[in-house]
Amino acid sequence: MQTFKVAAILAFAAALGASCSNGLKQDPYANQPDEVKNAGPMDPKPKEKKGDALSSAYLRIQTASDSVEFREGVESKITIKGAVLADVNGREPVLGQDYQLTIDNIADFPGASWDATTGEFKWTPKPGYVQDEYTRNVHIEVTLATLFKPILQTQKSIIGVITRAEMEPSVESIEDLTNPGVREGETRDFKVVVRDPHASDKSADTKPRLSIVSDGAGSASAAGLVTCLGTQGCSNPEKDPNDPQRYTFKLRVDLTGQEITKDTKTLSFSVMAISRFGETSAPKKANLLVKTKLNDPEISWSAADPIEVVAGRQNLVNFTVFDSGSDSQLTVNFDTACNLVLGPTATCSCTTLGRPGTGPQLCKIIWDVPQNPLQTNYSVKFTTFNRSKDQSQYTTKSYERVLKVIQAAPGPVAPASTASASVGGGL
């Protein structure tokens, strides 16, 4: 090992000066290197003397690499060693006694630890340290300096590259769309809450976005019925004032003009949150309960077409009341008993076609029309009651139809007359 016996040289020079008693003025630095002659008086603290040839020759800051990689939320470490290539009084230099190794800007690394003895520097950058970029560069400024004359010092800047943590956003909640559900022809606004560790409300570009996707349910998918509200829709949510990572999106289910079911049907869709860096959350599924819309029932007996009945005979008049758009509970009531409107021989009734309590109603008017009735046109009034299966919606509507009495054609007496209103007769 090349030696540089600085302390020994100084001690020898001092002893030589003290032993001279013949009055000669001897120079203790004679024949010494210029760096020793120019060292100056002793100073307990190292002075900055960067980059000179002597420092470069005798001081070394040693690392495995000139750079180190960090990631937000993950601890990384680097070993930094210092070496002084010189003897001190015939022995190896001792750290802390003969030289010191320091990190000058340790305060720039919150929470970092530095052990000069082992040379280990450890740091865990907190999430958000990189801020709006994908990476951020920092510099670890290291200084190695001797604690003896001549004061030597060298420095090294180690580049630290910090990578943003891969923190995916998540969909925290989707407002329930099954209780009470949404009826055909109606709209329903609801909210989706997203958590995004990388979000910022500086602009719409730094906020999370929301994507509405089909969950593969085919005809049972509701993705096409859901939209985001607001001027920028799915890219401009509202920030929670108490939680900077929590954002709320406002959405709408629109069933205007939709005919999906005759009773109830469960559809589904999924939403995904997307961070400003393109990271996506896992899809979160939501169910949508669609309820049929109750329309006014249709009547096969048209208001524009009176049904003709024959005087002097028994007449049977049939007409149906039905809801073509739903499987509802439908009933029909005549407002006034037929025998009070048509006469004592008339009866009116309606029965359900199909399962009891559901399906269309078949209504009958049986009337022995007098040979000489008091009038030609008789008004029959009835009211429909239509109720959904879940009892959450019902409609009522009143109708008025006309029976027109005609005289039988001359000839043999005909049997009883039957008249049926066409299903296509309309309202």
Foldseek 3Di string as FASTA:
>chain_A
DDADALQVLVVVLVVVVVPDDPPDDDDSCPPPDPLSVPLDDADQDFDDDEDDPVLVVFKDWDWPDLEAEAEAQDKDKTAIAIAGRYDYVNHGDDEPPWKHKDFPVPVVAPPWDADHVRRMIMGHHHACPCPPDQKDKDWGKMKMWTRTPSIHIYIGIRIYIYGHDPDFKAWDDWDAQVVVFAEAQDKDKTKTKIFDSQADVPDLLRHKFKDKFFPPPVLLAQSVQKWWDDPVGRRHFDADPVDRRMTMTMMMGGNRPHQRAQAKDKGKIWMWIAGSVGHIYDTDMHIGIYGYDFDQWKKLAAQVDAAEAEAQAKEKEKIKTFTPRHFWQKDKFWPDAVCVFQNVQKGKDWDADDDPRTGMIIIMIIDRHHNDDPDFKTKTKMKMWIAHPVRPDIDMDIDIHIYGYDYDDDDDDDHYHYHYRGNPNTD
